[in-house]
Amino acid sequence: ADAALHSTMKQAQDKIAFYENQEGKQISKRFVLEHEIRKDINNNYEHFRLVFQPLVKLQESGNSWYGAETLLRYYNPNLPDVPQIELIETLEDSDLIIPVGRWILREALKECSQWKRSGVDAHIHVNFSVQQLSDVGLLSYVKELFEKYELEPSCLICELTETSLLNDLETASMLCW
């Protein structure tokens, strides 16, 4: 009887599977990230930072710095290891890319203005999501920033992110035609 019971228990153990809800964990993690981002936006973009990657012209006569690409970074002590792709996806999925994108643009142009005042003639490159192009007030906002920071439109280079183009093929195809 013991051998039969042991055999039955062994068969049952071999068929037990533990379910781990990865999708639920991802949704919960995304919810927490979105909540923290909203708090940071309301706290004057507290944990957002911009870094500027220099752009250099390589020439035989000497290399010259001509501008920088604007990169968004997020340093939140409550969420210490947020991958960049996850941050951008959360911003785009929650439509928070619109206010954060405006903040990025404002801070980048402010930085470019400081370069100009110090005698450096430089361009600033800013990445845009396709979603940001649906922001009806974007153009007037950009014009206001040019006036405020006394910049010429030629100092701003707008780049569309590849992921946003791939994720929104309909809009991307309209942009290409």
C-alpha atoms as a PDB file:
ATOM      1  CA  ALA A   1       0.000   0.000   0.000  1.00  0.00           C
ATOM      2  CA  ASP A   2       2.853   2.376   0.835  1.00  0.00           C
ATOM      3  CA  ALA A   3       4.502   1.710  -2.524  1.00  0.00           C
ATOM      4  CA  ALA A   4       1.229   2.399  -4.384  1.00  0.00           C
ATOM      5  CA  LEU A   5       0.679   5.635  -2.398  1.00  0.00           C
ATOM      6  CA  HIS A   6       4.283   6.705  -3.027  1.00  0.00           C
ATOM      7  CA  SER A   7       3.885   5.980  -6.757  1.00  0.00           C
ATOM      8  CA  THR A   8       0.647   7.988  -6.920  1.00  0.00           C
ATOM      9  CA  MET A   9       2.231  10.939  -5.071  1.00  0.00           C
ATOM     10  CA  LYS A  10       5.243  10.861  -7.398  1.00  0.00           C
ATOM     11  CA  GLN A  11       2.969  10.982 -10.447  1.00  0.00           C
ATOM     12  CA  ALA A  12       1.085  13.926  -8.934  1.00  0.00           C
ATOM     13  CA  GLN A  13       4.348  15.799  -8.214  1.00  0.00           C
ATOM     14  CA  ASP A  14       5.487  15.352 -11.789  1.00  0.00           C
ATOM     15  CA  LYS A  15       2.300  17.027 -13.007  1.00  0.00           C
ATOM     16  CA  ILE A  16       2.281  20.005 -10.654  1.00  0.00           C
ATOM     17  CA  ALA A  17       3.186  23.263 -12.336  1.00  0.00           C
ATOM     18  CA  PHE A  18       3.572  26.525 -10.536  1.00  0.00           C
ATOM     19  CA  TYR A  19       2.002  29.448 -12.320  1.00  0.00           C
ATOM     20  CA  GLU A  20       3.863  32.722 -12.243  1.00  0.00           C
ATOM     21  CA  ASN A  21       1.885  35.632 -13.598  1.00  0.00           C
ATOM     22  CA  GLN A  22       4.568  37.556 -15.536  1.00  0.00           C
ATOM     23  CA  GLU A  23       1.997  39.617 -17.400  1.00  0.00           C
ATOM     24  CA  GLY A  24       0.436  40.725 -14.121  1.00  0.00           C
ATOM     25  CA  LYS A  25       3.854  41.704 -12.777  1.00  0.00           C
ATOM     26  CA  GLN A  26       4.576  43.728 -15.926  1.00  0.00           C
ATOM     27  CA  ILE A  27       1.234  45.542 -15.705  1.00  0.00           C
ATOM     28  CA  SER A  28       1.810  46.290 -12.032  1.00  0.00           C
ATOM     29  CA  LYS A  29       5.350  47.531 -12.722  1.00  0.00           C
ATOM     30  CA  ARG A  30       4.098  49.723 -15.576  1.00  0.00           C
ATOM     31  CA  PHE A  31       1.343  51.124 -13.342  1.00  0.00           C
ATOM     32  CA  VAL A  32       3.889  52.040 -10.642  1.00  0.00           C
ATOM     33  CA  LEU A  33       6.195  53.639 -13.216  1.00  0.00           C
ATOM     34  CA  GLU A  34       3.361  55.675 -14.715  1.00  0.00           C
ATOM     35  CA  HIS A  35       2.271  56.771 -11.225  1.00  0.00           C
ATOM     36  CA  GLU A  36       5.828  57.884 -10.363  1.00  0.00           C
ATOM     37  CA  ILE A  37       6.165  59.746 -13.664  1.00  0.00           C
ATOM     38  CA  ARG A  38       2.906  61.612 -13.010  1.00  0.00           C
ATOM     39  CA  LYS A  39       4.178  62.602  -9.558  1.00  0.00           C
ATOM     40  CA  ASP A  40       7.450  63.788 -11.069  1.00  0.00           C
ATOM     41  CA  ILE A  41       5.656  65.860 -13.706  1.00  0.00           C
ATOM     42  CA  ASN A  42       3.612  67.515 -10.965  1.00  0.00           C
ATOM     43  CA  ASN A  43       6.851  68.151  -9.025  1.00  0.00           C
ATOM     44  CA  ASN A  44       8.455  70.138 -11.846  1.00  0.00           C
ATOM     45  CA  TYR A  45       9.966  67.045 -13.534  1.00  0.00           C
ATOM     46  CA  GLU A  46      11.884  66.269 -10.365  1.00  0.00           C
ATOM     47  CA  HIS A  47      13.570  63.020 -11.438  1.00  0.00           C
ATOM     48  CA  PHE A  48      13.978  63.798 -15.120  1.00  0.00           C
ATOM     49  CA  ARG A  49      17.338  64.923 -16.464  1.00  0.00           C
ATOM     50  CA  LEU A  50      18.655  65.779 -19.874  1.00  0.00           C
ATOM     51  CA  VAL A  51      22.117  64.849 -21.004  1.00  0.00           C
ATOM     52  CA  PHE A  52      23.690  66.126 -24.165  1.00  0.00           C
ATOM     53  CA  GLN A  53      25.682  63.878 -26.441  1.00  0.00           C
ATOM     54  CA  PRO A  54      28.164  65.971 -28.418  1.00  0.00           C
ATOM     55  CA  LEU A  55      28.037  65.965 -32.209  1.00  0.00           C
ATOM     56  CA  VAL A  56      31.428  66.429 -33.860  1.00  0.00           C
ATOM     57  CA  LYS A  57      32.388  67.037 -37.491  1.00  0.00           C
ATOM     58  CA  LEU A  58      35.430  64.987 -38.358  1.00  0.00           C
ATOM     59  CA  GLN A  59      37.664  66.959 -40.712  1.00  0.00           C
ATOM     60  CA  GLU A  60      41.269  66.737 -41.838  1.00  0.00           C
ATOM     61  CA  SER A  61      41.883  70.271 -40.617  1.00  0.00           C
ATOM     62  CA  GLY A  62      40.582  69.390 -37.167  1.00  0.00           C
ATOM     63  CA  ASN A  63      37.462  68.144 -35.521  1.00  0.00           C
ATOM     64  CA  SER A  64      34.800  70.630 -34.497  1.00  0.00           C
ATOM     65  CA  TRP A  65      31.867  70.417 -32.143  1.00  0.00           C
ATOM     66  CA  TYR A  66      28.707  71.662 -33.839  1.00  0.00           C
ATOM     67  CA  GLY A  67      25.935  70.675 -31.450  1.00  0.00           C
ATOM     68  CA  ALA A  68      24.462  67.963 -29.328  1.00  0.00           C
ATOM     69  CA  GLU A  69      21.745  65.356 -29.269  1.00  0.00           C
ATOM     70  CA  THR A  70      19.342  65.641 -26.360  1.00  0.00           C
ATOM     71  CA  LEU A  71      18.891  62.450 -24.342  1.00  0.00           C
ATOM     72  CA  LEU A  72      16.299  61.926 -21.623  1.00  0.00           C
ATOM     73  CA  ARG A  73      17.290  60.207 -18.395  1.00  0.00           C
ATOM     74  CA  TYR A  74      15.116  59.244 -15.438  1.00  0.00           C
ATOM     75  CA  TYR A  75      16.656  58.926 -11.977  1.00  0.00           C
ATOM     76  CA  ASN A  76      13.939  58.036  -9.499  1.00  0.00           C
ATOM     77  CA  PRO A  77      15.143  56.530  -6.185  1.00  0.00           C
ATOM     78  CA  ASN A  78      11.837  54.639  -5.876  1.00  0.00           C
ATOM     79  CA  LEU A  79      12.527  52.943  -9.240  1.00  0.00           C
ATOM     80  CA  PRO A  80      16.295  52.728  -9.528  1.00  0.00           C
ATOM     81  CA  ASP A  81      16.627  50.512 -12.607  1.00  0.00           C
ATOM     82  CA  VAL A  82      14.105  51.610 -15.226  1.00  0.00           C
ATOM     83  CA  PRO A  83      15.340  50.616 -18.689  1.00  0.00           C
ATOM     84  CA  GLN A  84      15.217  53.498 -21.183  1.00  0.00           C
ATOM     85  CA  ILE A  85      12.957  51.593 -23.581  1.00  0.00           C
ATOM     86  CA  GLU A  86      10.474  50.916 -20.765  1.00  0.00           C
ATOM     87  CA  LEU A  87      10.430  54.595 -19.826  1.00  0.00           C
ATOM     88  CA  ILE A  88       9.749  55.691 -23.407  1.00  0.00           C
ATOM     89  CA  GLU A  89       7.079  53.015 -23.946  1.00  0.00           C
ATOM     90  CA  THR A  90       5.322  54.066 -20.735  1.00  0.00           C
ATOM     91  CA  LEU A  91       5.418  57.727 -21.764  1.00  0.00           C
ATOM     92  CA  GLU A  92       3.994  56.906 -25.182  1.00  0.00           C
ATOM     93  CA  ASP A  93       1.354  54.438 -23.966  1.00  0.00           C
ATOM     94  CA  SER A  94       0.065  56.853 -21.324  1.00  0.00           C
ATOM     95  CA  ASP A  95       0.191  59.974 -23.542  1.00  0.00           C
ATOM     96  CA  LEU A  96       2.579  61.511 -21.009  1.00  0.00           C
ATOM     97  CA  ILE A  97       4.984  61.873 -23.939  1.00  0.00           C
ATOM     98  CA  ILE A  98       3.188  65.149 -24.768  1.00  0.00           C
ATOM     99  CA  PRO A  99       3.994  67.067 -21.549  1.00  0.00           C
ATOM    100  CA  VAL A 100       7.383  65.372 -21.111  1.00  0.00           C
ATOM    101  CA  GLY A 101       8.212  66.078 -24.755  1.00  0.00           C
ATOM    102  CA  ARG A 102       7.389  69.748 -24.259  1.00  0.00           C
ATOM    103  CA  TRP A 103       9.595  69.821 -21.147  1.00  0.00           C
ATOM    104  CA  ILE A 104      12.450  68.207 -23.093  1.00  0.00           C
ATOM    105  CA  LEU A 105      12.070  70.749 -25.886  1.00  0.00           C
ATOM    106  CA  ARG A 106      11.989  73.694 -23.470  1.00  0.00           C
ATOM    107  CA  GLU A 107      15.040  72.535 -21.526  1.00  0.00           C
ATOM    108  CA  ALA A 108      16.994  71.681 -24.679  1.00  0.00           C
ATOM    109  CA  LEU A 109      16.332  75.079 -26.240  1.00  0.00           C
ATOM    110  CA  LYS A 110      17.191  76.789 -22.954  1.00  0.00           C
ATOM    111  CA  GLU A 111      20.546  74.966 -22.998  1.00  0.00           C
ATOM    112  CA  CYS A 112      21.127  75.871 -26.644  1.00  0.00           C
ATOM    113  CA  SER A 113      20.407  79.506 -25.783  1.00  0.00           C
ATOM    114  CA  GLN A 114      23.073  79.406 -23.075  1.00  0.00           C
ATOM    115  CA  TRP A 115      25.574  78.032 -25.598  1.00  0.00           C
ATOM    116  CA  LYS A 116      24.730  80.842 -28.019  1.00  0.00           C
ATOM    117  CA  ARG A 117      25.141  83.504 -25.301  1.00  0.00           C
ATOM    118  CA  SER A 118      28.573  82.094 -24.505  1.00  0.00           C
ATOM    119  CA  GLY A 119      29.580  82.456 -28.155  1.00  0.00           C
ATOM    120  CA  VAL A 120      29.089  78.882 -29.345  1.00  0.00           C
ATOM    121  CA  ASP A 121      27.064  78.523 -32.525  1.00  0.00           C
ATOM    122  CA  ALA A 122      25.553  75.069 -32.039  1.00  0.00           C
ATOM    123  CA  HIS A 123      22.539  73.032 -33.058  1.00  0.00           C
ATOM    124  CA  ILE A 124      20.409  71.007 -30.694  1.00  0.00           C
ATOM    125  CA  HIS A 125      18.885  67.708 -31.838  1.00  0.00           C
ATOM    126  CA  VAL A 126      15.661  66.607 -30.157  1.00  0.00           C
ATOM    127  CA  ASN A 127      13.907  63.277 -30.705  1.00  0.00           C
ATOM    128  CA  PHE A 128      10.169  63.338 -31.220  1.00  0.00           C
ATOM    129  CA  SER A 129       7.639  60.566 -31.007  1.00  0.00           C
ATOM    130  CA  VAL A 130       5.016  60.416 -33.752  1.00  0.00           C
ATOM    131  CA  GLN A 131       2.453  60.975 -30.986  1.00  0.00           C
ATOM    132  CA  GLN A 132       3.941  64.390 -30.266  1.00  0.00           C
ATOM    133  CA  LEU A 133       3.091  65.463 -33.796  1.00  0.00           C
ATOM    134  CA  SER A 134      -0.597  65.164 -32.877  1.00  0.00           C
ATOM    135  CA  ASP A 135      -0.080  67.876 -30.219  1.00  0.00           C
ATOM    136  CA  VAL A 136      -2.116  70.667 -31.850  1.00  0.00           C
ATOM    137  CA  GLY A 137      -0.332  73.411 -29.910  1.00  0.00           C
ATOM    138  CA  LEU A 138       3.186  72.137 -30.572  1.00  0.00           C
ATOM    139  CA  LEU A 139       4.065  74.522 -33.386  1.00  0.00           C
ATOM    140  CA  SER A 140       2.979  77.645 -31.499  1.00  0.00           C
ATOM    141  CA  TYR A 141       4.804  76.344 -28.397  1.00  0.00           C
ATOM    142  CA  VAL A 142       8.014  75.934 -30.400  1.00  0.00           C
ATOM    143  CA  LYS A 143       7.638  79.468 -31.811  1.00  0.00           C
ATOM    144  CA  GLU A 144       7.186  80.840 -28.276  1.00  0.00           C
ATOM    145  CA  LEU A 145      10.347  79.059 -27.146  1.00  0.00           C
ATOM    146  CA  PHE A 146      12.355  80.461 -30.075  1.00  0.00           C
ATOM    147  CA  GLU A 147      11.227  83.965 -29.110  1.00  0.00           C
ATOM    148  CA  LYS A 148      11.780  83.454 -25.384  1.00  0.00           C
ATOM    149  CA  TYR A 149      15.308  82.092 -25.823  1.00  0.00           C
ATOM    150  CA  GLU A 150      16.144  84.330 -28.801  1.00  0.00           C
ATOM    151  CA  LEU A 151      16.961  81.442 -31.105  1.00  0.00           C
ATOM    152  CA  GLU A 152      16.643  80.945 -34.833  1.00  0.00           C
ATOM    153  CA  PRO A 153      14.611  77.925 -35.957  1.00  0.00           C
ATOM    154  CA  SER A 154      17.684  76.582 -37.764  1.00  0.00           C
ATOM    155  CA  CYS A 155      19.291  75.736 -34.394  1.00  0.00           C
ATOM    156  CA  LEU A 156      16.722  72.964 -33.763  1.00  0.00           C
ATOM    157  CA  ILE A 157      16.984  69.631 -35.538  1.00  0.00           C
ATOM    158  CA  CYS A 158      13.908  67.451 -34.977  1.00  0.00           C
ATOM    159  CA  GLU A 159      14.290  63.704 -35.318  1.00  0.00           C
ATOM    160  CA  LEU A 160      11.515  61.136 -35.313  1.00  0.00           C
ATOM    161  CA  THR A 161      12.296  58.090 -33.210  1.00  0.00           C
ATOM    162  CA  GLU A 162      12.479  54.826 -35.122  1.00  0.00           C
ATOM    163  CA  THR A 163      10.354  52.972 -32.580  1.00  0.00           C
ATOM    164  CA  SER A 164       7.545  55.468 -32.848  1.00  0.00           C
ATOM    165  CA  LEU A 165       7.584  55.158 -36.625  1.00  0.00           C
ATOM    166  CA  LEU A 166       7.456  51.378 -36.421  1.00  0.00           C
ATOM    167  CA  ASN A 167       4.698  51.441 -33.809  1.00  0.00           C
ATOM    168  CA  ASP A 168       2.567  53.896 -35.795  1.00  0.00           C
ATOM    169  CA  LEU A 169       2.966  52.810 -39.401  1.00  0.00           C
ATOM    170  CA  GLU A 170      -0.166  54.650 -40.545  1.00  0.00           C
ATOM    171  CA  THR A 171       1.141  58.041 -39.380  1.00  0.00           C
ATOM    172  CA  ALA A 172       4.636  57.211 -40.582  1.00  0.00           C
ATOM    173  CA  SER A 173       3.350  56.428 -44.068  1.00  0.00           C
ATOM    174  CA  MET A 174       1.485  59.765 -44.168  1.00  0.00           C
ATOM    175  CA  LEU A 175       4.723  61.557 -43.183  1.00  0.00           C
ATOM    176  CA  CYS A 176       6.633  59.857 -45.984  1.00  0.00           C
ATOM    177  CA  TRP A 177       4.173  60.794 -48.710  1.00  0.00           C
END
